[in-house]
Amino acid sequence: MALLKKIIKFAFMILIFSVTSLPVHARTEEPAPSPSRNSAIPSNRNGRVVAVATGIGFVNGIAMFASAGYHINPDWLIEAYYEKSDTFFFGTSRARAIRSKNFWSPTLYTNVGVLHRQTSGRNEFLDVLTSTFTGKEAHYDIAYWDIGPGFSIGNQWQWSAFHVGCDWVGVYWPLYASSAKITKNEDGIITKKTADDDLKPEASARLLRFYLGISL
């Protein structure tokens, strides 16, 4: 009988010990928090703070461009952008932009921003039928600017500190254009005017813009 009491007492102590130890065991088995999208995407952008790049592309003609940006996180870059392009038919354009570059996979990104473009150039009098100049020493110098949103989609590949990429396709849609300042020079006689109604903002495509750069 005494032995039975000892066995029951020993079993009761084991039961109490097991119950009191359950919360500690449960706490050690709690699942870890789900990782964020940024830490879950495997890319060599992790730890990068700044990125600079330069490249060449097509914007109504051949364009040269450069950018410098700051990483908010590995998948979000705020960048300043500058480009210069010589159009096939008219003058030179210079553009400046502030853009938000967002990565949706290890390489795929979209780029959205606001762009300000300045355009200037010269038009000569030309006989359309014969494709020859009319003989008059006459030309127009024209200058104006416009502003609006831009969007592009592309891929970027990163190796250590170096990266290469391409904006495959994009669009710039000016919402406002300034008046054109026109200077006419015909046989040495100069005439200046401002054209308020001659310019209408129109969307333009931005294609195949290849670049290479460094991320630190």
C-alpha atoms as a PDB file:
ATOM      1  CA  MET A   1       0.000   0.000   0.000  1.00  0.00           C
ATOM      2  CA  ALA A   2       2.831   2.371   0.871  1.00  0.00           C
ATOM      3  CA  LEU A   3       4.529   1.478  -2.401  1.00  0.00           C
ATOM      4  CA  LEU A   4       1.343   2.271  -4.348  1.00  0.00           C
ATOM      5  CA  LYS A   5       1.098   5.689  -2.690  1.00  0.00           C
ATOM      6  CA  LYS A   6       4.696   6.449  -3.668  1.00  0.00           C
ATOM      7  CA  ILE A   7       4.044   5.442  -7.300  1.00  0.00           C
ATOM      8  CA  ILE A   8       0.898   7.657  -7.475  1.00  0.00           C
ATOM      9  CA  LYS A   9       2.756  10.586  -5.912  1.00  0.00           C
ATOM     10  CA  PHE A  10       5.643  10.194  -8.384  1.00  0.00           C
ATOM     11  CA  ALA A  11       3.268  10.021 -11.381  1.00  0.00           C
ATOM     12  CA  PHE A  12       1.390  13.114 -10.132  1.00  0.00           C
ATOM     13  CA  MET A  13       4.669  15.085  -9.939  1.00  0.00           C
ATOM     14  CA  ILE A  14       5.594  14.078 -13.477  1.00  0.00           C
ATOM     15  CA  LEU A  15       2.163  15.211 -14.717  1.00  0.00           C
ATOM     16  CA  ILE A  16       2.493  18.605 -13.013  1.00  0.00           C
ATOM     17  CA  PHE A  17       5.991  19.075 -14.445  1.00  0.00           C
ATOM     18  CA  SER A  18       4.783  18.227 -17.970  1.00  0.00           C
ATOM     19  CA  VAL A  19       1.847  20.656 -17.829  1.00  0.00           C
ATOM     20  CA  THR A  20       3.902  23.555 -16.498  1.00  0.00           C
ATOM     21  CA  SER A  21       6.559  23.054 -19.200  1.00  0.00           C
ATOM     22  CA  LEU A  22       4.113  23.193 -22.151  1.00  0.00           C
ATOM     23  CA  PRO A  23       3.975  27.030 -22.568  1.00  0.00           C
ATOM     24  CA  VAL A  24       7.769  27.263 -22.700  1.00  0.00           C
ATOM     25  CA  HIS A  25       7.914  24.532 -25.321  1.00  0.00           C
ATOM     26  CA  ALA A  26       5.152  26.229 -27.379  1.00  0.00           C
ATOM     27  CA  ARG A  27       6.951  29.542 -27.300  1.00  0.00           C
ATOM     28  CA  THR A  28      10.138  28.009 -28.687  1.00  0.00           C
ATOM     29  CA  GLU A  29       8.174  26.505 -31.595  1.00  0.00           C
ATOM     30  CA  GLU A  30       6.443  29.760 -32.712  1.00  0.00           C
ATOM     31  CA  PRO A  31       6.901  30.267 -36.475  1.00  0.00           C
ATOM     32  CA  ALA A  32       9.166  33.108 -37.613  1.00  0.00           C
ATOM     33  CA  PRO A  33       7.481  36.171 -39.175  1.00  0.00           C
ATOM     34  CA  SER A  34       6.993  36.029 -42.944  1.00  0.00           C
ATOM     35  CA  PRO A  35       9.816  37.811 -44.786  1.00  0.00           C
ATOM     36  CA  SER A  36       8.984  40.953 -46.748  1.00  0.00           C
ATOM     37  CA  ARG A  37       8.929  40.944 -50.532  1.00  0.00           C
ATOM     38  CA  ASN A  38      12.209  42.847 -50.630  1.00  0.00           C
ATOM     39  CA  SER A  39      14.166  40.341 -48.536  1.00  0.00           C
ATOM     40  CA  ALA A  40      12.480  37.371 -50.256  1.00  0.00           C
ATOM     41  CA  ILE A  41      13.581  38.330 -53.770  1.00  0.00           C
ATOM     42  CA  PRO A  42      17.090  37.004 -54.417  1.00  0.00           C
ATOM     43  CA  SER A  43      19.073  39.741 -56.122  1.00  0.00           C
ATOM     44  CA  ASN A  44      22.509  41.310 -55.938  1.00  0.00           C
ATOM     45  CA  ARG A  45      20.889  44.679 -55.226  1.00  0.00           C
ATOM     46  CA  ASN A  46      20.738  43.869 -51.502  1.00  0.00           C
ATOM     47  CA  GLY A  47      22.935  46.302 -49.582  1.00  0.00           C
ATOM     48  CA  ARG A  48      23.292  48.771 -52.466  1.00  0.00           C
ATOM     49  CA  VAL A  49      22.805  52.439 -51.578  1.00  0.00           C
ATOM     50  CA  VAL A  50      23.487  54.435 -54.754  1.00  0.00           C
ATOM     51  CA  ALA A  51      23.470  53.558 -58.465  1.00  0.00           C
ATOM     52  CA  VAL A  52      24.770  55.426 -61.514  1.00  0.00           C
ATOM     53  CA  ALA A  53      24.390  54.461 -65.171  1.00  0.00           C
ATOM     54  CA  THR A  54      24.891  55.707 -68.709  1.00  0.00           C
ATOM     55  CA  GLY A  55      23.547  54.437 -72.007  1.00  0.00           C
ATOM     56  CA  ILE A  56      22.193  54.939 -75.504  1.00  0.00           C
ATOM     57  CA  GLY A  57      18.723  54.542 -76.982  1.00  0.00           C
ATOM     58  CA  PHE A  58      16.093  55.820 -79.383  1.00  0.00           C
ATOM     59  CA  VAL A  59      13.876  58.869 -78.767  1.00  0.00           C
ATOM     60  CA  ASN A  60      12.803  60.421 -82.091  1.00  0.00           C
ATOM     61  CA  GLY A  61      16.451  59.864 -82.971  1.00  0.00           C
ATOM     62  CA  ILE A  62      19.590  58.601 -81.214  1.00  0.00           C
ATOM     63  CA  ALA A  63      19.752  59.617 -77.550  1.00  0.00           C
ATOM     64  CA  MET A  64      22.544  59.568 -74.973  1.00  0.00           C
ATOM     65  CA  PHE A  65      21.516  59.508 -71.320  1.00  0.00           C
ATOM     66  CA  ALA A  66      22.748  59.207 -67.740  1.00  0.00           C
ATOM     67  CA  SER A  67      21.116  58.605 -64.360  1.00  0.00           C
ATOM     68  CA  ALA A  68      22.014  58.680 -60.671  1.00  0.00           C
ATOM     69  CA  GLY A  69      19.792  57.190 -57.985  1.00  0.00           C
ATOM     70  CA  TYR A  70      19.344  56.337 -54.311  1.00  0.00           C
ATOM     71  CA  HIS A  71      18.019  52.954 -53.104  1.00  0.00           C
ATOM     72  CA  ILE A  72      15.116  53.290 -50.668  1.00  0.00           C
ATOM     73  CA  ASN A  73      15.325  49.490 -50.497  1.00  0.00           C
ATOM     74  CA  PRO A  74      16.698  46.816 -52.864  1.00  0.00           C
ATOM     75  CA  ASP A  75      13.560  46.985 -55.040  1.00  0.00           C
ATOM     76  CA  TRP A  76      12.915  50.738 -55.053  1.00  0.00           C
ATOM     77  CA  LEU A  77      15.225  53.349 -56.547  1.00  0.00           C
ATOM     78  CA  ILE A  78      14.609  57.109 -56.769  1.00  0.00           C
ATOM     79  CA  GLU A  79      16.742  58.567 -59.555  1.00  0.00           C
ATOM     80  CA  ALA A  80      17.592  61.788 -61.361  1.00  0.00           C
ATOM     81  CA  TYR A  81      17.845  61.455 -65.141  1.00  0.00           C
ATOM     82  CA  TYR A  82      19.284  63.501 -68.039  1.00  0.00           C
ATOM     83  CA  GLU A  83      19.297  62.847 -71.788  1.00  0.00           C
ATOM     84  CA  LYS A  84      20.273  64.571 -75.018  1.00  0.00           C
ATOM     85  CA  SER A  85      18.932  63.498 -78.395  1.00  0.00           C
ATOM     86  CA  ASP A  86      19.330  64.743 -81.962  1.00  0.00           C
ATOM     87  CA  THR A  87      16.150  64.196 -83.926  1.00  0.00           C
ATOM     88  CA  PHE A  88      16.195  63.008 -87.537  1.00  0.00           C
ATOM     89  CA  PHE A  89      14.244  65.997 -88.846  1.00  0.00           C
ATOM     90  CA  PHE A  90      14.578  68.815 -86.361  1.00  0.00           C
ATOM     91  CA  GLY A  91      17.092  70.065 -83.834  1.00  0.00           C
ATOM     92  CA  THR A  92      18.147  68.873 -80.421  1.00  0.00           C
ATOM     93  CA  SER A  93      16.175  67.872 -77.333  1.00  0.00           C
ATOM     94  CA  ARG A  94      17.434  67.891 -73.762  1.00  0.00           C
ATOM     95  CA  ALA A  95      15.365  66.266 -71.045  1.00  0.00           C
ATOM     96  CA  ARG A  96      15.545  66.074 -67.254  1.00  0.00           C
ATOM     97  CA  ALA A  97      13.424  63.826 -65.054  1.00  0.00           C
ATOM     98  CA  ILE A  98      12.803  62.524 -61.539  1.00  0.00           C
ATOM     99  CA  ARG A  99      11.814  58.850 -61.674  1.00  0.00           C
ATOM    100  CA  SER A 100      10.734  56.009 -59.405  1.00  0.00           C
ATOM    101  CA  LYS A 101      12.198  52.650 -60.443  1.00  0.00           C
ATOM    102  CA  ASN A 102      10.411  49.627 -58.942  1.00  0.00           C
ATOM    103  CA  PHE A 103      11.564  46.004 -59.308  1.00  0.00           C
ATOM    104  CA  TRP A 104       8.839  43.341 -59.411  1.00  0.00           C
ATOM    105  CA  SER A 105      11.176  40.342 -59.789  1.00  0.00           C
ATOM    106  CA  PRO A 106      14.957  39.858 -59.631  1.00  0.00           C
ATOM    107  CA  THR A 107      15.252  41.625 -63.040  1.00  0.00           C
ATOM    108  CA  LEU A 108      11.883  43.060 -64.185  1.00  0.00           C
ATOM    109  CA  TYR A 109      11.137  46.705 -63.355  1.00  0.00           C
ATOM    110  CA  THR A 110       8.895  49.627 -64.220  1.00  0.00           C
ATOM    111  CA  ASN A 111      10.028  53.237 -64.260  1.00  0.00           C
ATOM    112  CA  VAL A 112       7.589  56.112 -63.709  1.00  0.00           C
ATOM    113  CA  GLY A 113       8.426  59.804 -63.459  1.00  0.00           C
ATOM    114  CA  VAL A 114       7.939  63.406 -64.511  1.00  0.00           C
ATOM    115  CA  LEU A 115       9.999  64.663 -67.450  1.00  0.00           C
ATOM    116  CA  HIS A 116      10.806  68.216 -68.567  1.00  0.00           C
ATOM    117  CA  ARG A 117      12.056  68.520 -72.177  1.00  0.00           C
ATOM    118  CA  GLN A 118      13.591  71.496 -73.999  1.00  0.00           C
ATOM    119  CA  THR A 119      13.741  71.440 -77.802  1.00  0.00           C
ATOM    120  CA  SER A 120      15.510  73.796 -80.171  1.00  0.00           C
ATOM    121  CA  GLY A 121      16.438  73.607 -83.830  1.00  0.00           C
ATOM    122  CA  ARG A 122      16.548  75.144 -87.261  1.00  0.00           C
ATOM    123  CA  ASN A 123      14.380  74.678 -90.346  1.00  0.00           C
ATOM    124  CA  GLU A 124      15.556  75.703 -93.795  1.00  0.00           C
ATOM    125  CA  PHE A 125      13.272  76.635 -96.665  1.00  0.00           C
ATOM    126  CA  LEU A 126      13.084  73.547 -98.876  1.00  0.00           C
ATOM    127  CA  ASP A 127      11.387  72.878-102.197  1.00  0.00           C
ATOM    128  CA  VAL A 128       9.406  69.697-101.424  1.00  0.00           C
ATOM    129  CA  LEU A 129       8.991  68.682-105.076  1.00  0.00           C
ATOM    130  CA  THR A 130      12.667  68.822-106.025  1.00  0.00           C
ATOM    131  CA  SER A 131      14.192  68.257-102.572  1.00  0.00           C
ATOM    132  CA  THR A 132      16.472  71.231-103.155  1.00  0.00           C
ATOM    133  CA  PHE A 133      16.791  74.504-101.314  1.00  0.00           C
ATOM    134  CA  THR A 134      14.813  77.420-102.731  1.00  0.00           C
ATOM    135  CA  GLY A 135      17.904  79.565-103.150  1.00  0.00           C
ATOM    136  CA  LYS A 136      16.853  82.050-100.518  1.00  0.00           C
ATOM    137  CA  GLU A 137      19.094  82.401 -97.524  1.00  0.00           C
ATOM    138  CA  ALA A 138      16.294  81.817 -95.061  1.00  0.00           C
ATOM    139  CA  HIS A 139      15.768  79.711 -91.958  1.00  0.00           C
ATOM    140  CA  TYR A 140      13.730  79.479 -88.778  1.00  0.00           C
ATOM    141  CA  ASP A 141      15.227  79.058 -85.304  1.00  0.00           C
ATOM    142  CA  ILE A 142      12.620  77.517 -82.992  1.00  0.00           C
ATOM    143  CA  ALA A 143      12.706  76.820 -79.244  1.00  0.00           C
ATOM    144  CA  TYR A 144      10.078  75.505 -76.817  1.00  0.00           C
ATOM    145  CA  TRP A 145       9.672  73.216 -73.810  1.00  0.00           C
ATOM    146  CA  ASP A 146       7.113  70.717 -72.544  1.00  0.00           C
ATOM    147  CA  ILE A 147       6.462  68.668 -69.406  1.00  0.00           C
ATOM    148  CA  GLY A 148       4.558  65.509 -68.526  1.00  0.00           C
ATOM    149  CA  PRO A 149       4.704  61.927 -67.206  1.00  0.00           C
ATOM    150  CA  GLY A 150       6.884  59.158 -68.595  1.00  0.00           C
ATOM    151  CA  PHE A 151       6.647  55.389 -68.219  1.00  0.00           C
ATOM    152  CA  SER A 152       8.891  52.502 -69.259  1.00  0.00           C
ATOM    153  CA  ILE A 153       9.321  48.785 -68.607  1.00  0.00           C
ATOM    154  CA  GLY A 154      12.585  46.864 -68.755  1.00  0.00           C
ATOM    155  CA  ASN A 155      15.022  44.355 -67.286  1.00  0.00           C
ATOM    156  CA  GLN A 156      18.212  44.853 -65.304  1.00  0.00           C
ATOM    157  CA  TRP A 157      20.846  42.266 -64.411  1.00  0.00           C
ATOM    158  CA  GLN A 158      23.263  42.742 -61.498  1.00  0.00           C
ATOM    159  CA  TRP A 159      26.697  41.178 -60.987  1.00  0.00           C
ATOM    160  CA  SER A 160      28.357  42.301 -57.785  1.00  0.00           C
ATOM    161  CA  ALA A 161      28.667  46.106 -58.130  1.00  0.00           C
ATOM    162  CA  PHE A 162      28.022  46.156 -61.887  1.00  0.00           C
ATOM    163  CA  HIS A 163      24.693  46.105 -63.701  1.00  0.00           C
ATOM    164  CA  VAL A 164      23.389  46.223 -67.276  1.00  0.00           C
ATOM    165  CA  GLY A 165      19.841  46.741 -68.442  1.00  0.00           C
ATOM    166  CA  CYS A 166      17.401  47.925 -71.070  1.00  0.00           C
ATOM    167  CA  ASP A 167      14.179  49.925 -71.150  1.00  0.00           C
ATOM    168  CA  TRP A 168      12.444  47.802 -73.785  1.00  0.00           C
ATOM    169  CA  VAL A 169       9.547  50.145 -74.420  1.00  0.00           C
ATOM    170  CA  GLY A 170       8.253  53.372 -72.932  1.00  0.00           C
ATOM    171  CA  VAL A 171       6.170  56.451 -73.596  1.00  0.00           C
ATOM    172  CA  TYR A 172       6.408  60.153 -72.793  1.00  0.00           C
ATOM    173  CA  TRP A 173       3.149  62.097 -72.745  1.00  0.00           C
ATOM    174  CA  PRO A 174       3.589  65.885 -72.420  1.00  0.00           C
ATOM    175  CA  LEU A 175       0.585  67.475 -70.755  1.00  0.00           C
ATOM    176  CA  TYR A 176       1.715  71.045 -71.343  1.00  0.00           C
ATOM    177  CA  ALA A 177       3.850  72.732 -74.006  1.00  0.00           C
ATOM    178  CA  SER A 178       5.123  76.302 -73.912  1.00  0.00           C
ATOM    179  CA  SER A 179       4.716  78.796 -76.710  1.00  0.00           C
ATOM    180  CA  ALA A 180       7.318  78.422 -79.435  1.00  0.00           C
ATOM    181  CA  LYS A 181       9.794  81.254 -79.762  1.00  0.00           C
ATOM    182  CA  ILE A 182      10.547  81.621 -83.481  1.00  0.00           C
ATOM    183  CA  THR A 183      13.267  83.696 -85.082  1.00  0.00           C
ATOM    184  CA  LYS A 184      13.051  84.038 -88.881  1.00  0.00           C
ATOM    185  CA  ASN A 185      16.122  85.075 -90.839  1.00  0.00           C
ATOM    186  CA  GLU A 186      15.484  85.703 -94.534  1.00  0.00           C
ATOM    187  CA  ASP A 187      18.153  87.391 -96.633  1.00  0.00           C
ATOM    188  CA  GLY A 188      19.561  88.995 -93.504  1.00  0.00           C
ATOM    189  CA  ILE A 189      16.213  90.328 -92.271  1.00  0.00           C
ATOM    190  CA  ILE A 190      15.414  89.000 -88.799  1.00  0.00           C
ATOM    191  CA  THR A 191      11.841  88.644 -87.580  1.00  0.00           C
ATOM    192  CA  LYS A 192      10.848  87.300 -84.155  1.00  0.00           C
ATOM    193  CA  LYS A 193       7.490  86.038 -82.938  1.00  0.00           C
ATOM    194  CA  THR A 194       5.866  83.803 -80.364  1.00  0.00           C
ATOM    195  CA  ALA A 195       3.559  81.083 -81.649  1.00  0.00           C
ATOM    196  CA  ASP A 196       0.859  80.210 -79.122  1.00  0.00           C
ATOM    197  CA  ASP A 197      -1.188  77.805 -81.230  1.00  0.00           C
ATOM    198  CA  ASP A 198       1.408  76.048 -83.368  1.00  0.00           C
ATOM    199  CA  LEU A 199       2.406  73.398 -80.795  1.00  0.00           C
ATOM    200  CA  LYS A 200       0.179  70.623 -79.504  1.00  0.00           C
ATOM    201  CA  PRO A 201       1.547  68.128 -76.944  1.00  0.00           C
ATOM    202  CA  GLU A 202       1.700  64.628 -78.409  1.00  0.00           C
ATOM    203  CA  ALA A 203       2.827  61.324 -76.938  1.00  0.00           C
ATOM    204  CA  SER A 204       6.115  59.869 -78.181  1.00  0.00           C
ATOM    205  CA  ALA A 205       7.580  56.361 -77.938  1.00  0.00           C
ATOM    206  CA  ARG A 206      10.886  55.617 -76.208  1.00  0.00           C
ATOM    207  CA  LEU A 207      12.407  52.352 -77.410  1.00  0.00           C
ATOM    208  CA  LEU A 208      15.381  50.060 -76.716  1.00  0.00           C
ATOM    209  CA  ARG A 209      17.396  52.119 -74.277  1.00  0.00           C
ATOM    210  CA  PHE A 210      20.471  50.073 -73.271  1.00  0.00           C
ATOM    211  CA  TYR A 211      22.620  51.085 -70.298  1.00  0.00           C
ATOM    212  CA  LEU A 212      25.378  49.918 -67.972  1.00  0.00           C
ATOM    213  CA  GLY A 213      26.280  51.152 -64.523  1.00  0.00           C
ATOM    214  CA  ILE A 214      27.681  50.671 -61.030  1.00  0.00           C
ATOM    215  CA  SER A 215      25.839  50.178 -57.729  1.00  0.00           C
ATOM    216  CA  LEU A 216      27.579  50.826 -54.423  1.00  0.00           C
END
